[in-house]
C-alpha atoms as a PDB file:
ATOM      1  CA  MET A   1      12.585  -0.487   2.398  1.00  0.00           C
ATOM      2  CA  ASP A   2      11.827  -4.146   2.989  1.00  0.00           C
ATOM      3  CA  MET A   3      12.021  -5.484  -0.564  1.00  0.00           C
ATOM      4  CA  TYR A   4      11.248  -9.023   0.531  1.00  0.00           C
ATOM      5  CA  ALA A   5       7.944  -7.898   2.095  1.00  0.00           C
ATOM      6  CA  LEU A   6       7.014  -5.881  -0.990  1.00  0.00           C
ATOM      7  CA  THR A   7       7.777  -8.806  -3.295  1.00  0.00           C
ATOM      8  CA  LYS A   8       5.964 -11.301  -1.038  1.00  0.00           C
ATOM      9  CA  LEU A   9       2.844  -9.139  -0.889  1.00  0.00           C
ATOM     10  CA  ILE A  10       2.705  -8.769  -4.662  1.00  0.00           C
ATOM     11  CA  ASP A  11       3.352 -12.483  -5.148  1.00  0.00           C
ATOM     12  CA  SER A  12       0.553 -13.350  -2.713  1.00  0.00           C
ATOM     13  CA  VAL A  13      -2.051 -11.720  -4.968  1.00  0.00           C
ATOM     14  CA  GLY A  14      -0.535 -12.424  -8.373  1.00  0.00           C
ATOM     15  CA  LYS A  15      -0.719  -8.861  -9.672  1.00  0.00           C
ATOM     16  CA  VAL A  16      -1.137  -5.311  -8.353  1.00  0.00           C
ATOM     17  CA  ASP A  17      -2.924  -3.168 -10.902  1.00  0.00           C
ATOM     18  CA  SER A  18      -1.380   0.251 -10.208  1.00  0.00           C
ATOM     19  CA  ARG A  19       1.467   2.098  -8.508  1.00  0.00           C
ATOM     20  CA  LYS A  20      -0.990   4.339  -6.709  1.00  0.00           C
ATOM     21  CA  ARG A  21      -2.833   1.358  -5.257  1.00  0.00           C
ATOM     22  CA  LEU A  22       0.460  -0.223  -4.156  1.00  0.00           C
ATOM     23  CA  HIS A  23       1.518   2.953  -2.314  1.00  0.00           C
ATOM     24  CA  LYS A  24      -1.809   3.238  -0.492  1.00  0.00           C
ATOM     25  CA  CYS A  25      -1.849  -0.445   0.491  1.00  0.00           C
ATOM     26  CA  VAL A  26       1.718  -0.440   1.825  1.00  0.00           C
ATOM     27  CA  PHE A  27       0.984   2.749   3.785  1.00  0.00           C
ATOM     28  CA  LEU A  28      -2.102   1.247   5.446  1.00  0.00           C
ATOM     29  CA  LEU A  29      -0.372  -2.072   6.169  1.00  0.00           C
ATOM     30  CA  GLN A  30       2.504  -0.215   7.806  1.00  0.00           C
ATOM     31  CA  LEU A  31       0.019   1.621  10.009  1.00  0.00           C
ATOM     32  CA  ALA A  32      -1.444  -1.744  10.977  1.00  0.00           C
ATOM     33  CA  GLY A  33       1.972  -2.982  12.106  1.00  0.00           C
ATOM     34  CA  LEU A  34       3.819  -4.415   9.078  1.00  0.00           C
ATOM     35  CA  ASP A  35       7.133  -2.587   9.291  1.00  0.00           C
ATOM     36  CA  MET A  36       8.343  -2.155   5.737  1.00  0.00           C
ATOM     37  CA  GLU A  37      10.663   0.746   6.536  1.00  0.00           C
ATOM     38  CA  ALA A  38       8.974   3.083   4.042  1.00  0.00           C
ATOM     39  CA  GLU A  39       8.649   6.754   4.840  1.00  0.00           C
ATOM     40  CA  TYR A  40       5.583   8.581   3.566  1.00  0.00           C
ATOM     41  CA  CYS A  41       4.622  12.161   2.833  1.00  0.00           C
ATOM     42  CA  LEU A  42       1.268  13.577   1.792  1.00  0.00           C
ATOM     43  CA  TYR A  43       1.159  14.118  -1.947  1.00  0.00           C
ATOM     44  CA  TYR A  44      -1.517  15.043  -4.492  1.00  0.00           C
ATOM     45  CA  TYR A  45      -2.940  11.500  -4.643  1.00  0.00           C
ATOM     46  CA  GLY A  46      -2.579  10.908  -0.897  1.00  0.00           C
ATOM     47  CA  PRO A  47       0.291   9.254   0.969  1.00  0.00           C
ATOM     48  CA  PHE A  48       3.323   8.679  -1.259  1.00  0.00           C
ATOM     49  CA  SER A  49       6.627   6.969  -0.500  1.00  0.00           C
ATOM     50  CA  ARG A  50       9.820   7.562  -2.413  1.00  0.00           C
ATOM     51  CA  ASP A  51      11.042   4.346  -0.737  1.00  0.00           C
ATOM     52  CA  VAL A  52       8.254   2.281  -2.333  1.00  0.00           C
ATOM     53  CA  ALA A  53       8.803   3.968  -5.711  1.00  0.00           C
ATOM     54  CA  GLU A  54      12.545   3.310  -5.638  1.00  0.00           C
ATOM     55  CA  ALA A  55      12.055  -0.281  -4.461  1.00  0.00           C
ATOM     56  CA  THR A  56       9.599  -1.090  -7.258  1.00  0.00           C
ATOM     57  CA  ASP A  57      11.966   0.507  -9.785  1.00  0.00           C
ATOM     58  CA  LEU A  58      14.921  -1.498  -8.460  1.00  0.00           C
ATOM     59  CA  LEU A  59      12.949  -4.754  -8.323  1.00  0.00           C
ATOM     60  CA  THR A  60      11.749  -4.142 -11.889  1.00  0.00           C
ATOM     61  CA  GLN A  61      15.264  -3.338 -13.144  1.00  0.00           C
ATOM     62  CA  SER A  62      16.610  -6.491 -11.510  1.00  0.00           C
ATOM     63  CA  LYS A  63      13.794  -8.567 -13.115  1.00  0.00           C
ATOM     64  CA  VAL A  64      12.269  -9.613  -9.784  1.00  0.00           C
ATOM     65  CA  LEU A  65       9.082  -7.744 -10.742  1.00  0.00           C
ATOM     66  CA  ALA A  66       7.558  -7.369 -14.177  1.00  0.00           C
ATOM     67  CA  GLU A  67       6.050  -3.944 -14.833  1.00  0.00           C
ATOM     68  CA  THR A  68       3.321  -3.611 -17.446  1.00  0.00           C
ATOM     69  CA  GLU A  69       2.336  -0.216 -18.842  1.00  0.00           C
ATOM     70  CA  ILE A  70      -1.393   0.213 -19.345  1.00  0.00           C
ATOM     71  CA  PRO A  71      -2.409   3.241 -21.471  1.00  0.00           C
ATOM     72  CA  ASN A  72      -5.346   5.247 -20.146  1.00  0.00           C
ATOM     73  CA  PRO A  73      -6.930   8.645 -20.871  1.00  0.00           C
ATOM     74  CA  MET A  74      -4.624  10.308 -18.303  1.00  0.00           C
ATOM     75  CA  GLY A  75      -1.433   8.807 -19.781  1.00  0.00           C
ATOM     76  CA  ALA A  76      -0.577   5.388 -18.382  1.00  0.00           C
ATOM     77  CA  SER A  77      -0.727   3.268 -15.276  1.00  0.00           C
ATOM     78  CA  TYR A  78       1.593   0.428 -14.327  1.00  0.00           C
ATOM     79  CA  SER A  79       0.856  -3.000 -12.933  1.00  0.00           C
ATOM     80  CA  TYR A  80       3.298  -5.294 -11.149  1.00  0.00           C
ATOM     81  CA  GLU A  81       3.712  -9.035 -10.798  1.00  0.00           C
ATOM     82  CA  VAL A  82       6.520 -11.241  -9.545  1.00  0.00           C
ATOM     83  CA  THR A  83       8.602 -12.898 -12.287  1.00  0.00           C
ATOM     84  CA  GLU A  84       9.795 -16.503 -12.272  1.00  0.00           C
ATOM     85  CA  LYS A  85      13.194 -15.185 -11.170  1.00  0.00           C
ATOM     86  CA  GLY A  86      11.490 -13.373  -8.286  1.00  0.00           C
ATOM     87  CA  LYS A  87       9.488 -16.457  -7.299  1.00  0.00           C
ATOM     88  CA  GLY A  88      12.707 -18.472  -7.210  1.00  0.00           C
ATOM     89  CA  MET A  89      14.368 -15.863  -5.016  1.00  0.00           C
ATOM     90  CA  LEU A  90      11.384 -15.928  -2.617  1.00  0.00           C
ATOM     91  CA  THR A  91      11.534 -19.727  -2.419  1.00  0.00           C
ATOM     92  CA  ASP A  92      15.291 -19.731  -1.788  1.00  0.00           C
ATOM     93  CA  TYR A  93      15.058 -17.029   0.892  1.00  0.00           C
ATOM     94  CA  GLU A  94      12.083 -18.643   2.635  1.00  0.00           C
ATOM     95  CA  ALA A  95      14.013 -21.941   2.898  1.00  0.00           C
ATOM     96  CA  ARG A  96      16.424 -20.244   5.336  1.00  0.00           C
ATOM     97  CA  PRO A  97      15.527 -19.526   8.992  1.00  0.00           C
ATOM     98  CA  GLU A  98      15.513 -15.734   8.532  1.00  0.00           C
ATOM     99  CA  GLY A  99      13.333 -16.154   5.436  1.00  0.00           C
ATOM    100  CA  LYS A 100      10.856 -18.351   7.301  1.00  0.00           C
ATOM    101  CA  ALA A 101      10.557 -15.697  10.013  1.00  0.00           C
ATOM    102  CA  ALA A 102      10.109 -12.947   7.407  1.00  0.00           C
ATOM    103  CA  CYS A 103       7.483 -15.027   5.612  1.00  0.00           C
ATOM    104  CA  GLU A 104       5.501 -15.513   8.833  1.00  0.00           C
ATOM    105  CA  ARG A 105       5.685 -11.793   9.596  1.00  0.00           C
ATOM    106  CA  VAL A 106       4.408 -10.772   6.148  1.00  0.00           C
ATOM    107  CA  SER A 107       1.889 -13.603   5.796  1.00  0.00           C
ATOM    108  CA  ALA A 108      -0.039 -12.240   8.770  1.00  0.00           C
ATOM    109  CA  PHE A 109      -0.954  -9.231   6.594  1.00  0.00           C
ATOM    110  CA  ILE A 110      -1.808 -10.934   3.291  1.00  0.00           C
ATOM    111  CA  ASP A 111      -5.568 -11.119   3.937  1.00  0.00           C
ATOM    112  CA  GLN A 112      -5.604  -7.397   4.697  1.00  0.00           C
ATOM    113  CA  PHE A 113      -3.611  -6.694   1.532  1.00  0.00           C
ATOM    114  CA  GLN A 114      -6.090  -8.704  -0.545  1.00  0.00           C
ATOM    115  CA  ALA A 115      -9.008  -6.835   1.024  1.00  0.00           C
ATOM    116  CA  LEU A 116      -7.419  -3.477   0.234  1.00  0.00           C
ATOM    117  CA  LEU A 117      -6.847  -4.470  -3.382  1.00  0.00           C
ATOM    118  CA  ALA A 118     -10.576  -5.158  -3.701  1.00  0.00           C
ATOM    119  CA  GLU A 119     -11.476  -1.597  -2.688  1.00  0.00           C
ATOM    120  CA  PRO A 120     -12.234   1.010  -5.361  1.00  0.00           C
ATOM    121  CA  LEU A 121      -9.096   3.059  -5.982  1.00  0.00           C
ATOM    122  CA  TRP A 122     -10.784   6.387  -5.161  1.00  0.00           C
ATOM    123  CA  THR A 123     -12.032   5.026  -1.823  1.00  0.00           C
ATOM    124  CA  LEU A 124      -8.548   3.668  -1.077  1.00  0.00           C
ATOM    125  CA  GLU A 125      -7.010   7.051  -1.915  1.00  0.00           C
ATOM    126  CA  LEU A 126      -9.412   8.785   0.455  1.00  0.00           C
ATOM    127  CA  ALA A 127      -8.947   6.144   3.173  1.00  0.00           C
ATOM    128  CA  SER A 128      -5.169   6.450   3.115  1.00  0.00           C
ATOM    129  CA  THR A 129      -5.454  10.250   3.224  1.00  0.00           C
ATOM    130  CA  VAL A 130      -7.842  10.097   6.197  1.00  0.00           C
ATOM    131  CA  ALA A 131      -5.434   7.679   7.903  1.00  0.00           C
ATOM    132  CA  PHE A 132      -2.461   9.940   7.173  1.00  0.00           C
ATOM    133  CA  TYR A 133      -4.124  12.907   8.867  1.00  0.00           C
ATOM    134  CA  ARG A 134      -5.533  10.792  11.686  1.00  0.00           C
ATOM    135  CA  PHE A 135      -2.539   8.649  12.603  1.00  0.00           C
ATOM    136  CA  VAL A 136       0.509  10.484  11.232  1.00  0.00           C
ATOM    137  CA  ARG A 137      -0.571  14.047  11.889  1.00  0.00           C
ATOM    138  CA  ASN A 138      -2.444  12.883  15.025  1.00  0.00           C
ATOM    139  CA  VAL A 139      -5.661  14.828  14.555  1.00  0.00           C
ATOM    140  CA  THR A 140      -9.145  13.758  15.639  1.00  0.00           C
ATOM    141  CA  ALA A 141     -11.326  11.617  13.385  1.00  0.00           C
ATOM    142  CA  ALA A 142     -13.574  14.619  12.650  1.00  0.00           C
ATOM    143  CA  GLN A 143     -10.575  16.802  11.789  1.00  0.00           C
ATOM    144  CA  ALA A 144      -9.102  14.065   9.555  1.00  0.00           C
ATOM    145  CA  ARG A 145     -12.391  13.789   7.667  1.00  0.00           C
ATOM    146  CA  ALA A 146     -12.685  17.554   7.224  1.00  0.00           C
ATOM    147  CA  MET A 147      -9.051  17.911   6.148  1.00  0.00           C
ATOM    148  CA  THR A 148      -9.400  15.049   3.660  1.00  0.00           C
ATOM    149  CA  ALA A 149     -12.616  16.505   2.237  1.00  0.00           C
ATOM    150  CA  GLU A 150     -10.923  19.858   1.705  1.00  0.00           C
ATOM    151  CA  PHE A 151      -7.665  18.404   0.351  1.00  0.00           C
ATOM    152  CA  LYS A 152      -9.388  15.976  -2.044  1.00  0.00           C
ATOM    153  CA  ASN A 153     -12.244  18.357  -2.967  1.00  0.00           C
ATOM    154  CA  VAL A 154     -14.974  16.023  -1.717  1.00  0.00           C
ATOM    155  CA  ARG A 155     -18.186  17.024   0.035  1.00  0.00           C
ATOM    156  CA  PRO A 156     -17.637  16.516   3.780  1.00  0.00           C
ATOM    157  CA  ASN A 157     -20.865  14.490   4.011  1.00  0.00           C
ATOM    158  CA  ALA A 158     -20.083  12.263   1.001  1.00  0.00           C
ATOM    159  CA  SER A 159     -20.817   8.584   1.618  1.00  0.00           C
ATOM    160  CA  VAL A 160     -17.470   7.646   0.068  1.00  0.00           C
ATOM    161  CA  LEU A 161     -15.832   9.425   3.020  1.00  0.00           C
ATOM    162  CA  ASP A 162     -17.849   7.196   5.371  1.00  0.00           C
ATOM    163  CA  ASP A 163     -16.389   4.166   3.596  1.00  0.00           C
ATOM    164  CA  ALA A 164     -12.898   5.705   3.665  1.00  0.00           C
ATOM    165  CA  GLU A 165     -13.099   6.373   7.407  1.00  0.00           C
ATOM    166  CA  LYS A 166     -14.129   2.762   8.079  1.00  0.00           C
ATOM    167  CA  ILE A 167     -11.132   1.497   6.118  1.00  0.00           C
ATOM    168  CA  ALA A 168      -8.771   3.935   7.853  1.00  0.00           C
ATOM    169  CA  GLU A 169      -9.989   2.782  11.269  1.00  0.00           C
ATOM    170  CA  ARG A 170      -9.393  -0.881  10.354  1.00  0.00           C
ATOM    171  CA  PHE A 171      -5.736  -0.004   9.836  1.00  0.00           C
ATOM    172  CA  ALA A 172      -5.261   2.084  12.955  1.00  0.00           C
ATOM    173  CA  PRO A 173      -1.831   1.541  14.492  1.00  0.00           C
ATOM    174  CA  PRO A 174      -1.764  -1.097  17.212  1.00  0.00           C
ATOM    175  CA  LYS A 175      -2.019   0.362  20.701  1.00  0.00           C
ATOM    176  CA  GLY A 176       1.429   0.189  22.239  1.00  0.00           C
END
């Protein structure tokens, strides 16, 4: 897992409001071409990466990220922001040639990351699930929509699925 890229993305927006949102955003950015070396599987809430979970835990334990628990009716959610220690590490790394190159690589995806963070979480969950079926399982767009509707218990003609499909298509893997 590219911990620099994860830290840089979070730093670029100030704060990420939930683990689930972070997983979905990293998944879609990877599809779009930002190689973060995270493997994903389909889980109850859509694409999930043990790599992202372990990286956020490690970065939190090492005080590069600050994790804030936010109680909610379902238990709790967790937000993440880069600490002063983390900001210093980013600055030091980016002063070196390999850090400058890494910064340029990640910076090309920051606008997309910000746009994803602005999406409603439910739409983002559906979009990442559509994208998982479409681009990881390599099914047609119609099949991905139908599979997502069944998996997430959503009406196949729901307008939120229209929005999710549009997001998924924006993050289609580059044609190689």
